[in-house]
Amino acid sequence: MQTQVLDLTAKECITDEVMRTVMLKKFGPDPNIVIFDASALGVVVDGSVGADTASIRRTMRGLSTEVELFPVNCNNTHWCSIMINLTKGKVSIYDSSSSSYLLGVRAVAQPLIPLLPSTVGMSLRVQTYESGLGVQTDSYNCGIYVLIAFDIFCGAEPLGHFDKKTLQCLQYRYLRMCLQD
């Protein structure tokens, strides 16, 4: 718990543990959203990643209309994401700072397509997700941007571009989520 508090109040990238805790509290109760732990894909290091495809395939086997959310931890310094909407037949990748990590995330997302259930039935392409949040200008709020992008992808209203105060409010909101039972 102390680590989560420090992660969400400090000026550094949030950890896998904090990302998972917030995602479980925010999206866990929704049966139409499937959350994958960041460790399901491993850590993207310079574009290569060790994914447990057998485990991912088992999880995806029974899916039909759900949204899948994959947080992707790049080099333990930057968060990106892969988001899949089976109903709309969309596979999207997101990077709040439009960095070179996006190429590595695309390389990770592409092999996930054959693991999707055959009921999707569409030819899917990986697309860059436009969240409408603007480009991240600091070096540590990427996790917050990813969490908000997940929200918007799942149907929440866009918040527009972020300023420093909005980001601080969002950090506080996620901190409160972590502290609630």
N, C-alpha and C. Protein backbone atom coordinates (compact mmCIF):
# COMPACT_ATOMS: atom_id res chain seq x y z
N MET A 1 0.83 -1.19 0.00
CA MET A 1 0.00 0.00 0.00
C MET A 1 0.87 1.25 0.00
N GLN A 2 1.93 1.25 0.81
CA GLN A 2 2.80 2.42 0.89
C GLN A 2 3.43 2.70 -0.48
N THR A 3 3.81 1.65 -1.20
CA THR A 3 4.38 1.81 -2.53
C THR A 3 3.39 2.47 -3.46
N GLN A 4 2.12 2.06 -3.41
CA GLN A 4 1.10 2.64 -4.27
C GLN A 4 0.92 4.12 -3.98
N VAL A 5 0.94 4.49 -2.72
CA VAL A 5 0.80 5.90 -2.34
C VAL A 5 1.96 6.70 -2.90
N LEU A 6 3.17 6.18 -2.73
CA LEU A 6 4.35 6.88 -3.24
C LEU A 6 4.32 6.99 -4.76
N ASP A 7 3.94 5.92 -5.43
CA ASP A 7 3.89 5.94 -6.90
C ASP A 7 2.93 7.00 -7.42
N LEU A 8 1.79 7.12 -6.80
CA LEU A 8 0.78 8.04 -7.31
C LEU A 8 0.99 9.48 -6.86
N THR A 9 1.88 9.71 -5.92
CA THR A 9 2.14 11.08 -5.48
C THR A 9 3.50 11.59 -5.94
N ALA A 10 4.34 10.71 -6.41
CA ALA A 10 5.69 11.10 -6.83
C ALA A 10 5.71 11.44 -8.32
N LYS A 11 6.81 12.01 -8.72
CA LYS A 11 6.98 12.36 -10.13
C LYS A 11 7.82 11.28 -10.80
N GLU A 12 7.21 10.10 -10.89
CA GLU A 12 7.86 8.99 -11.57
C GLU A 12 6.79 8.08 -12.14
N CYS A 13 7.21 7.21 -13.01
CA CYS A 13 6.29 6.28 -13.67
C CYS A 13 5.67 5.33 -12.64
N ILE A 14 4.37 5.07 -12.75
CA ILE A 14 3.74 4.14 -11.81
C ILE A 14 4.21 2.71 -12.08
N THR A 15 4.16 1.89 -11.07
CA THR A 15 4.63 0.51 -11.18
C THR A 15 3.54 -0.40 -11.75
N ASP A 16 3.95 -1.61 -12.10
CA ASP A 16 3.00 -2.63 -12.57
C ASP A 16 1.92 -2.87 -11.52
N GLU A 17 2.33 -2.90 -10.25
CA GLU A 17 1.39 -3.16 -9.16
C GLU A 17 0.31 -2.09 -9.08
N VAL A 18 0.71 -0.84 -9.19
CA VAL A 18 -0.27 0.25 -9.14
C VAL A 18 -1.18 0.20 -10.36
N MET A 19 -0.60 -0.04 -11.53
CA MET A 19 -1.42 -0.13 -12.76
C MET A 19 -2.47 -1.23 -12.59
N ARG A 20 -2.05 -2.38 -12.11
CA ARG A 20 -2.98 -3.50 -11.94
C ARG A 20 -4.07 -3.18 -10.90
N THR A 21 -3.68 -2.60 -9.78
CA THR A 21 -4.64 -2.26 -8.72
C THR A 21 -5.70 -1.30 -9.24
N VAL A 22 -5.27 -0.24 -9.90
CA VAL A 22 -6.23 0.74 -10.41
C VAL A 22 -7.13 0.11 -11.47
N MET A 23 -6.55 -0.69 -12.36
CA MET A 23 -7.37 -1.33 -13.41
C MET A 23 -8.40 -2.27 -12.81
N LEU A 24 -8.01 -3.05 -11.80
CA LEU A 24 -8.96 -3.96 -11.17
C LEU A 24 -10.09 -3.21 -10.49
N LYS A 25 -9.76 -2.13 -9.81
CA LYS A 25 -10.80 -1.35 -9.12
C LYS A 25 -11.71 -0.63 -10.11
N LYS A 26 -11.13 -0.15 -11.20
CA LYS A 26 -11.90 0.64 -12.16
C LYS A 26 -12.70 -0.25 -13.12
N PHE A 27 -12.07 -1.29 -13.66
CA PHE A 27 -12.71 -2.09 -14.70
C PHE A 27 -13.09 -3.50 -14.26
N GLY A 28 -12.55 -3.97 -13.15
CA GLY A 28 -12.78 -5.33 -12.69
C GLY A 28 -14.23 -5.74 -12.56
N PRO A 29 -15.09 -4.87 -12.04
CA PRO A 29 -16.50 -5.25 -11.87
C PRO A 29 -17.28 -5.39 -13.19
N ASP A 30 -16.76 -4.88 -14.29
CA ASP A 30 -17.48 -4.91 -15.56
C ASP A 30 -17.21 -6.23 -16.29
N PRO A 31 -18.23 -7.08 -16.47
CA PRO A 31 -18.02 -8.38 -17.12
C PRO A 31 -17.69 -8.26 -18.60
N ASN A 32 -17.87 -7.10 -19.19
CA ASN A 32 -17.59 -6.90 -20.61
C ASN A 32 -16.18 -6.40 -20.88
N ILE A 33 -15.39 -6.26 -19.82
CA ILE A 33 -14.01 -5.80 -19.97
C ILE A 33 -13.09 -6.86 -19.37
N VAL A 34 -12.11 -7.28 -20.17
CA VAL A 34 -11.12 -8.25 -19.72
C VAL A 34 -9.80 -7.51 -19.54
N ILE A 35 -9.26 -7.62 -18.34
CA ILE A 35 -8.02 -6.94 -18.00
C ILE A 35 -6.88 -7.94 -18.04
N PHE A 36 -5.83 -7.58 -18.74
CA PHE A 36 -4.63 -8.40 -18.74
C PHE A 36 -3.58 -7.69 -17.89
N ASP A 37 -2.90 -8.45 -17.08
CA ASP A 37 -1.82 -7.91 -16.27
C ASP A 37 -0.67 -7.53 -17.20
N ALA A 38 0.07 -6.49 -16.84
CA ALA A 38 1.21 -6.07 -17.66
C ALA A 38 2.20 -7.22 -17.83
N SER A 39 2.29 -8.10 -16.85
CA SER A 39 3.23 -9.22 -16.94
C SER A 39 2.80 -10.27 -17.95
N ALA A 40 1.54 -10.22 -18.42
CA ALA A 40 1.09 -11.17 -19.44
C ALA A 40 1.89 -11.02 -20.72
N LEU A 41 2.32 -9.80 -21.00
CA LEU A 41 3.13 -9.54 -22.18
C LEU A 41 4.60 -9.44 -21.86
N GLY A 42 4.94 -9.47 -20.61
CA GLY A 42 6.33 -9.22 -20.24
C GLY A 42 6.60 -7.73 -20.35
N VAL A 43 7.84 -7.37 -20.34
CA VAL A 43 8.22 -5.97 -20.47
C VAL A 43 8.81 -5.77 -21.85
N VAL A 44 8.32 -4.78 -22.55
CA VAL A 44 8.87 -4.46 -23.86
C VAL A 44 10.23 -3.82 -23.65
N VAL A 45 11.25 -4.43 -24.21
CA VAL A 45 12.59 -3.89 -24.13
C VAL A 45 13.09 -3.72 -25.54
N ASP A 46 13.21 -2.50 -25.97
CA ASP A 46 13.69 -2.18 -27.31
C ASP A 46 12.96 -2.98 -28.38
N GLY A 47 11.65 -3.08 -28.25
CA GLY A 47 10.83 -3.68 -29.29
C GLY A 47 10.62 -5.17 -29.18
N SER A 48 11.33 -5.86 -28.30
CA SER A 48 11.10 -7.29 -28.17
C SER A 48 10.49 -7.58 -26.82
N VAL A 49 9.68 -8.63 -26.80
CA VAL A 49 8.96 -8.95 -25.58
C VAL A 49 8.74 -10.45 -25.52
N GLY A 50 8.70 -10.98 -24.31
CA GLY A 50 8.40 -12.39 -24.13
C GLY A 50 6.97 -12.53 -23.65
N ALA A 51 6.06 -12.88 -24.53
CA ALA A 51 4.65 -13.02 -24.15
C ALA A 51 4.31 -14.48 -23.93
N ASP A 52 3.50 -14.75 -22.94
CA ASP A 52 3.01 -16.10 -22.68
C ASP A 52 1.76 -16.30 -23.54
N THR A 53 1.98 -16.63 -24.82
CA THR A 53 0.86 -16.72 -25.77
C THR A 53 -0.12 -17.82 -25.40
N ALA A 54 0.35 -18.90 -24.78
CA ALA A 54 -0.57 -19.97 -24.39
C ALA A 54 -1.56 -19.47 -23.35
N SER A 55 -1.08 -18.71 -22.39
CA SER A 55 -1.95 -18.15 -21.35
C SER A 55 -2.92 -17.13 -21.95
N ILE A 56 -2.43 -16.29 -22.84
CA ILE A 56 -3.29 -15.29 -23.48
C ILE A 56 -4.36 -15.99 -24.32
N ARG A 57 -3.96 -17.03 -25.05
CA ARG A 57 -4.92 -17.78 -25.88
C ARG A 57 -6.01 -18.41 -25.01
N ARG A 58 -5.63 -18.99 -23.86
CA ARG A 58 -6.62 -19.59 -22.95
C ARG A 58 -7.62 -18.55 -22.46
N THR A 59 -7.12 -17.38 -22.10
CA THR A 59 -8.01 -16.32 -21.61
C THR A 59 -8.94 -15.84 -22.71
N MET A 60 -8.46 -15.75 -23.92
CA MET A 60 -9.27 -15.23 -25.03
C MET A 60 -10.22 -16.26 -25.62
N ARG A 61 -10.01 -17.52 -25.33
CA ARG A 61 -10.79 -18.59 -25.95
C ARG A 61 -12.30 -18.39 -25.83
N GLY A 62 -12.80 -18.03 -24.68
CA GLY A 62 -14.24 -17.93 -24.48
C GLY A 62 -14.82 -16.55 -24.75
N LEU A 63 -14.02 -15.65 -25.26
CA LEU A 63 -14.50 -14.28 -25.46
C LEU A 63 -15.28 -14.15 -26.76
N SER A 64 -16.20 -13.17 -26.78
CA SER A 64 -16.96 -12.94 -28.02
C SER A 64 -17.22 -11.46 -28.28
N THR A 65 -17.60 -10.70 -27.26
CA THR A 65 -17.94 -9.29 -27.48
C THR A 65 -17.21 -8.36 -26.52
N GLU A 66 -16.29 -8.86 -25.78
CA GLU A 66 -15.65 -8.08 -24.74
C GLU A 66 -14.60 -7.10 -25.28
N VAL A 67 -14.20 -6.22 -24.39
CA VAL A 67 -13.08 -5.31 -24.63
C VAL A 67 -11.90 -5.86 -23.83
N GLU A 68 -10.74 -5.95 -24.46
CA GLU A 68 -9.53 -6.41 -23.78
C GLU A 68 -8.58 -5.24 -23.62
N LEU A 69 -8.03 -5.10 -22.42
CA LEU A 69 -7.11 -4.01 -22.12
C LEU A 69 -5.77 -4.59 -21.69
N PHE A 70 -4.72 -4.23 -22.42
CA PHE A 70 -3.36 -4.67 -22.11
C PHE A 70 -2.50 -3.45 -21.79
N PRO A 71 -2.14 -3.23 -20.54
CA PRO A 71 -1.14 -2.19 -20.27
C PRO A 71 0.23 -2.76 -20.67
N VAL A 72 1.06 -1.96 -21.28
CA VAL A 72 2.37 -2.42 -21.74
C VAL A 72 3.44 -1.54 -21.09
N ASN A 73 4.30 -2.17 -20.31
CA ASN A 73 5.37 -1.47 -19.62
C ASN A 73 6.63 -1.55 -20.48
N CYS A 74 7.08 -0.42 -20.99
CA CYS A 74 8.23 -0.38 -21.89
C CYS A 74 9.49 -0.01 -21.12
N ASN A 75 10.43 -0.91 -21.07
CA ASN A 75 11.72 -0.70 -20.40
C ASN A 75 11.58 -0.26 -18.94
N ASN A 76 10.44 -0.55 -18.33
CA ASN A 76 10.16 -0.13 -16.95
C ASN A 76 10.22 1.38 -16.75
N THR A 77 10.06 2.13 -17.85
CA THR A 77 10.13 3.60 -17.74
C THR A 77 8.97 4.30 -18.43
N HIS A 78 8.17 3.57 -19.19
CA HIS A 78 7.11 4.23 -19.96
C HIS A 78 5.95 3.26 -20.19
N TRP A 79 4.72 3.75 -20.02
CA TRP A 79 3.52 2.94 -20.25
C TRP A 79 2.92 3.25 -21.61
N CYS A 80 2.56 2.20 -22.32
CA CYS A 80 1.77 2.26 -23.54
C CYS A 80 0.63 1.27 -23.35
N SER A 81 -0.18 1.05 -24.38
CA SER A 81 -1.26 0.07 -24.22
C SER A 81 -1.68 -0.53 -25.55
N ILE A 82 -2.31 -1.69 -25.41
CA ILE A 82 -2.99 -2.37 -26.51
C ILE A 82 -4.43 -2.54 -26.05
N MET A 83 -5.36 -2.14 -26.91
CA MET A 83 -6.78 -2.22 -26.57
C MET A 83 -7.51 -2.91 -27.73
N ILE A 84 -8.33 -3.89 -27.38
CA ILE A 84 -9.04 -4.66 -28.40
C ILE A 84 -10.54 -4.59 -28.11
N ASN A 85 -11.31 -4.25 -29.12
CA ASN A 85 -12.77 -4.25 -29.00
C ASN A 85 -13.29 -5.30 -29.97
N LEU A 86 -13.72 -6.45 -29.45
CA LEU A 86 -14.16 -7.55 -30.30
C LEU A 86 -15.43 -7.21 -31.06
N THR A 87 -16.34 -6.45 -30.45
CA THR A 87 -17.59 -6.10 -31.11
C THR A 87 -17.33 -5.25 -32.35
N LYS A 88 -16.44 -4.28 -32.22
CA LYS A 88 -16.15 -3.38 -33.33
C LYS A 88 -15.03 -3.90 -34.23
N GLY A 89 -14.37 -4.97 -33.80
CA GLY A 89 -13.28 -5.52 -34.59
C GLY A 89 -12.08 -4.58 -34.66
N LYS A 90 -11.73 -3.96 -33.54
CA LYS A 90 -10.63 -2.99 -33.52
C LYS A 90 -9.51 -3.45 -32.61
N VAL A 91 -8.29 -3.32 -33.10
CA VAL A 91 -7.10 -3.52 -32.30
C VAL A 91 -6.34 -2.20 -32.34
N SER A 92 -6.21 -1.55 -31.19
CA SER A 92 -5.60 -0.23 -31.12
C SER A 92 -4.39 -0.24 -30.20
N ILE A 93 -3.41 0.58 -30.56
CA ILE A 93 -2.24 0.77 -29.70
C ILE A 93 -2.19 2.24 -29.32
N TYR A 94 -1.65 2.52 -28.14
CA TYR A 94 -1.64 3.89 -27.64
C TYR A 94 -0.33 4.21 -26.94
N ASP A 95 0.19 5.39 -27.23
CA ASP A 95 1.36 5.92 -26.54
C ASP A 95 1.12 7.41 -26.35
N SER A 96 1.07 7.84 -25.11
CA SER A 96 0.73 9.23 -24.78
C SER A 96 1.76 10.24 -25.27
N SER A 97 2.96 9.80 -25.52
CA SER A 97 3.99 10.74 -25.97
C SER A 97 4.40 10.50 -27.42
N SER A 98 3.69 9.61 -28.10
CA SER A 98 4.00 9.30 -29.51
C SER A 98 5.49 9.01 -29.70
N SER A 99 6.04 8.23 -28.81
CA SER A 99 7.48 7.93 -28.83
C SER A 99 7.78 6.75 -29.75
N SER A 100 9.05 6.42 -29.84
CA SER A 100 9.47 5.28 -30.65
C SER A 100 9.01 3.96 -30.04
N TYR A 101 8.57 3.97 -28.78
CA TYR A 101 8.05 2.75 -28.17
C TYR A 101 6.83 2.23 -28.92
N LEU A 102 6.12 3.11 -29.60
CA LEU A 102 4.91 2.71 -30.31
C LEU A 102 5.20 1.63 -31.35
N LEU A 103 6.37 1.69 -31.97
CA LEU A 103 6.74 0.66 -32.95
C LEU A 103 6.87 -0.71 -32.27
N GLY A 104 7.48 -0.73 -31.08
CA GLY A 104 7.61 -1.97 -30.33
C GLY A 104 6.26 -2.50 -29.88
N VAL A 105 5.37 -1.61 -29.47
CA VAL A 105 4.03 -2.02 -29.04
C VAL A 105 3.25 -2.58 -30.22
N ARG A 106 3.41 -1.98 -31.40
CA ARG A 106 2.76 -2.51 -32.61
C ARG A 106 3.27 -3.93 -32.89
N ALA A 107 4.57 -4.13 -32.73
CA ALA A 107 5.16 -5.46 -32.96
C ALA A 107 4.63 -6.48 -31.95
N VAL A 108 4.27 -6.03 -30.77
CA VAL A 108 3.70 -6.92 -29.75
C VAL A 108 2.22 -7.18 -30.05
N ALA A 109 1.50 -6.17 -30.52
CA ALA A 109 0.06 -6.29 -30.78
C ALA A 109 -0.24 -7.20 -31.96
N GLN A 110 0.58 -7.15 -32.98
CA GLN A 110 0.31 -7.91 -34.20
C GLN A 110 0.14 -9.42 -33.95
N PRO A 111 1.02 -10.06 -33.17
CA PRO A 111 0.85 -11.50 -32.91
C PRO A 111 -0.36 -11.84 -32.04
N LEU A 112 -0.98 -10.84 -31.40
CA LEU A 112 -2.18 -11.10 -30.60
C LEU A 112 -3.39 -11.38 -31.49
N ILE A 113 -3.40 -10.84 -32.70
CA ILE A 113 -4.56 -10.97 -33.58
C ILE A 113 -4.92 -12.44 -33.85
N PRO A 114 -3.96 -13.31 -34.19
CA PRO A 114 -4.33 -14.72 -34.40
C PRO A 114 -4.83 -15.43 -33.14
N LEU A 115 -4.58 -14.85 -31.96
CA LEU A 115 -5.04 -15.45 -30.71
C LEU A 115 -6.49 -15.11 -30.40
N LEU A 116 -7.05 -14.14 -31.13
CA LEU A 116 -8.43 -13.73 -30.89
C LEU A 116 -9.38 -14.85 -31.31
N PRO A 117 -10.55 -14.91 -30.70
CA PRO A 117 -11.51 -15.96 -31.05
C PRO A 117 -11.93 -15.85 -32.52
N SER A 118 -12.20 -16.99 -33.11
CA SER A 118 -12.59 -17.02 -34.53
C SER A 118 -13.93 -16.34 -34.76
N THR A 119 -14.71 -16.13 -33.71
CA THR A 119 -16.01 -15.47 -33.86
C THR A 119 -15.88 -14.01 -34.27
N VAL A 120 -14.69 -13.44 -34.10
CA VAL A 120 -14.48 -12.05 -34.52
C VAL A 120 -14.68 -11.96 -36.02
N GLY A 121 -14.12 -12.90 -36.75
CA GLY A 121 -14.40 -13.07 -38.17
C GLY A 121 -14.01 -11.93 -39.09
N MET A 122 -13.39 -10.91 -38.61
CA MET A 122 -12.99 -9.80 -39.47
C MET A 122 -11.48 -9.82 -39.64
N SER A 123 -11.02 -9.25 -40.73
CA SER A 123 -9.58 -9.10 -40.87
C SER A 123 -9.19 -7.84 -40.10
N LEU A 124 -8.44 -8.04 -39.04
CA LEU A 124 -8.10 -6.95 -38.15
C LEU A 124 -6.73 -6.38 -38.47
N ARG A 125 -6.61 -5.08 -38.29
CA ARG A 125 -5.33 -4.40 -38.42
C ARG A 125 -5.08 -3.63 -37.13
N VAL A 126 -3.82 -3.48 -36.82
CA VAL A 126 -3.45 -2.69 -35.65
C VAL A 126 -3.46 -1.22 -36.06
N GLN A 127 -4.19 -0.41 -35.28
CA GLN A 127 -4.31 1.02 -35.55
C GLN A 127 -3.82 1.81 -34.35
N THR A 128 -3.28 2.99 -34.61
CA THR A 128 -2.89 3.89 -33.52
C THR A 128 -4.15 4.55 -32.97
N TYR A 129 -4.30 4.53 -31.66
CA TYR A 129 -5.48 5.09 -31.00
C TYR A 129 -5.30 6.58 -30.74
N GLU A 130 -6.27 7.35 -31.15
CA GLU A 130 -6.28 8.80 -30.91
C GLU A 130 -7.22 9.07 -29.74
N SER A 131 -6.68 9.40 -28.59
CA SER A 131 -7.48 9.59 -27.38
C SER A 131 -8.07 10.99 -27.26
N GLY A 132 -7.48 11.94 -27.96
CA GLY A 132 -7.91 13.33 -27.81
C GLY A 132 -7.34 14.00 -26.57
N LEU A 133 -6.42 13.33 -25.88
CA LEU A 133 -5.86 13.87 -24.64
C LEU A 133 -4.67 14.80 -24.87
N GLY A 134 -4.19 14.85 -26.08
CA GLY A 134 -2.99 15.62 -26.35
C GLY A 134 -1.76 14.78 -26.07
N VAL A 135 -0.60 15.36 -26.31
CA VAL A 135 0.66 14.66 -26.13
C VAL A 135 1.19 14.92 -24.73
N GLN A 136 1.62 13.87 -24.09
CA GLN A 136 2.20 13.97 -22.75
C GLN A 136 3.46 14.82 -22.81
N THR A 137 3.59 15.78 -21.91
CA THR A 137 4.74 16.68 -21.96
C THR A 137 5.74 16.45 -20.83
N ASP A 138 5.38 15.64 -19.84
CA ASP A 138 6.34 15.32 -18.77
C ASP A 138 6.87 13.91 -19.00
N SER A 139 7.70 13.44 -18.10
CA SER A 139 8.29 12.11 -18.30
C SER A 139 7.72 11.05 -17.37
N TYR A 140 6.66 11.36 -16.62
CA TYR A 140 6.23 10.41 -15.59
C TYR A 140 4.73 10.15 -15.54
N ASN A 141 3.90 10.86 -16.25
CA ASN A 141 2.45 10.66 -16.16
C ASN A 141 1.89 9.72 -17.24
N CYS A 142 2.75 8.98 -17.90
CA CYS A 142 2.30 8.09 -18.98
C CYS A 142 1.27 7.08 -18.48
N GLY A 143 1.44 6.58 -17.27
CA GLY A 143 0.48 5.61 -16.71
C GLY A 143 -0.90 6.22 -16.53
N ILE A 144 -0.96 7.48 -16.11
CA ILE A 144 -2.24 8.17 -15.95
C ILE A 144 -2.90 8.34 -17.31
N TYR A 145 -2.12 8.72 -18.32
CA TYR A 145 -2.67 8.86 -19.67
C TYR A 145 -3.22 7.53 -20.17
N VAL A 146 -2.50 6.44 -19.92
CA VAL A 146 -2.96 5.12 -20.36
C VAL A 146 -4.27 4.76 -19.67
N LEU A 147 -4.37 5.00 -18.38
CA LEU A 147 -5.61 4.69 -17.66
C LEU A 147 -6.80 5.49 -18.21
N ILE A 148 -6.59 6.75 -18.52
CA ILE A 148 -7.66 7.57 -19.09
C ILE A 148 -7.99 7.11 -20.50
N ALA A 149 -6.98 6.74 -21.28
CA ALA A 149 -7.24 6.21 -22.63
C ALA A 149 -8.07 4.93 -22.54
N PHE A 150 -7.79 4.07 -21.56
CA PHE A 150 -8.62 2.88 -21.34
C PHE A 150 -10.07 3.29 -21.08
N ASP A 151 -10.25 4.28 -20.22
CA ASP A 151 -11.61 4.79 -19.92
C ASP A 151 -12.34 5.20 -21.20
N ILE A 152 -11.68 6.01 -22.00
CA ILE A 152 -12.31 6.54 -23.22
C ILE A 152 -12.59 5.40 -24.19
N PHE A 153 -11.64 4.47 -24.33
CA PHE A 153 -11.83 3.33 -25.23
C PHE A 153 -13.04 2.50 -24.81
N CYS A 154 -13.30 2.45 -23.50
CA CYS A 154 -14.43 1.68 -22.97
C CYS A 154 -15.73 2.48 -22.95
N GLY A 155 -15.71 3.70 -23.47
CA GLY A 155 -16.95 4.45 -23.62
C GLY A 155 -17.10 5.71 -22.81
N ALA A 156 -16.12 6.06 -21.97
CA ALA A 156 -16.22 7.30 -21.18
C ALA A 156 -16.08 8.52 -22.10
N GLU A 157 -16.60 9.62 -21.64
CA GLU A 157 -16.48 10.87 -22.39
C GLU A 157 -15.03 11.35 -22.38
N PRO A 158 -14.53 11.82 -23.52
CA PRO A 158 -13.16 12.37 -23.55
C PRO A 158 -13.03 13.59 -22.64
N LEU A 159 -11.86 13.76 -22.06
CA LEU A 159 -11.62 14.87 -21.15
C LEU A 159 -10.94 16.06 -21.82
N GLY A 160 -10.53 15.90 -23.06
CA GLY A 160 -9.79 16.98 -23.72
C GLY A 160 -8.33 16.95 -23.30
N HIS A 161 -7.60 17.99 -23.67
CA HIS A 161 -6.18 18.05 -23.34
C HIS A 161 -5.99 18.27 -21.84
N PHE A 162 -4.93 17.66 -21.31
CA PHE A 162 -4.64 17.76 -19.88
C PHE A 162 -3.71 18.92 -19.59
N ASP A 163 -3.95 19.56 -18.45
CA ASP A 163 -2.97 20.48 -17.90
C ASP A 163 -2.45 19.86 -16.61
N LYS A 164 -1.51 20.54 -15.98
CA LYS A 164 -0.86 19.99 -14.79
C LYS A 164 -1.86 19.74 -13.65
N LYS A 165 -2.80 20.65 -13.46
CA LYS A 165 -3.78 20.49 -12.37
C LYS A 165 -4.71 19.30 -12.62
N THR A 166 -5.12 19.12 -13.86
CA THR A 166 -5.98 17.98 -14.19
C THR A 166 -5.25 16.68 -13.92
N LEU A 167 -3.99 16.61 -14.30
CA LEU A 167 -3.20 15.40 -14.04
C LEU A 167 -3.06 15.15 -12.54
N GLN A 168 -2.86 16.19 -11.77
CA GLN A 168 -2.76 16.03 -10.32
C GLN A 168 -4.08 15.52 -9.74
N CYS A 169 -5.19 16.03 -10.24
CA CYS A 169 -6.51 15.56 -9.78
C CYS A 169 -6.72 14.09 -10.12
N LEU A 170 -6.28 13.69 -11.31
CA LEU A 170 -6.42 12.29 -11.71
C LEU A 170 -5.53 11.39 -10.86
N GLN A 171 -4.32 11.84 -10.56
CA GLN A 171 -3.45 11.07 -9.67
C GLN A 171 -4.13 10.88 -8.32
N TYR A 172 -4.73 11.93 -7.81
CA TYR A 172 -5.42 11.86 -6.52
C TYR A 172 -6.61 10.91 -6.61
N ARG A 173 -7.35 10.97 -7.71
CA ARG A 173 -8.49 10.08 -7.90
C ARG A 173 -8.05 8.61 -7.87
N TYR A 174 -6.96 8.30 -8.57
CA TYR A 174 -6.47 6.92 -8.59
C TYR A 174 -5.89 6.52 -7.24
N LEU A 175 -5.27 7.46 -6.55
CA LEU A 175 -4.77 7.18 -5.21
C LEU A 175 -5.93 6.80 -4.29
N ARG A 176 -7.02 7.55 -4.36
CA ARG A 176 -8.20 7.23 -3.55
C ARG A 176 -8.74 5.84 -3.89
N MET A 177 -8.74 5.49 -5.16
CA MET A 177 -9.19 4.15 -5.56
C MET A 177 -8.34 3.08 -4.90
N CYS A 178 -7.04 3.29 -4.90
CA CYS A 178 -6.12 2.31 -4.31
C CYS A 178 -6.33 2.18 -2.80
N LEU A 179 -6.70 3.27 -2.15
CA LEU A 179 -6.85 3.26 -0.70
C LEU A 179 -8.19 2.71 -0.24
N GLN A 180 -9.18 2.67 -1.13
CA GLN A 180 -10.50 2.15 -0.75
C GLN A 180 -10.49 0.64 -0.76
N ASP A 181 -11.27 0.08 0.16
CA ASP A 181 -11.38 -1.39 0.22
C ASP A 181 -12.38 -1.91 -0.75
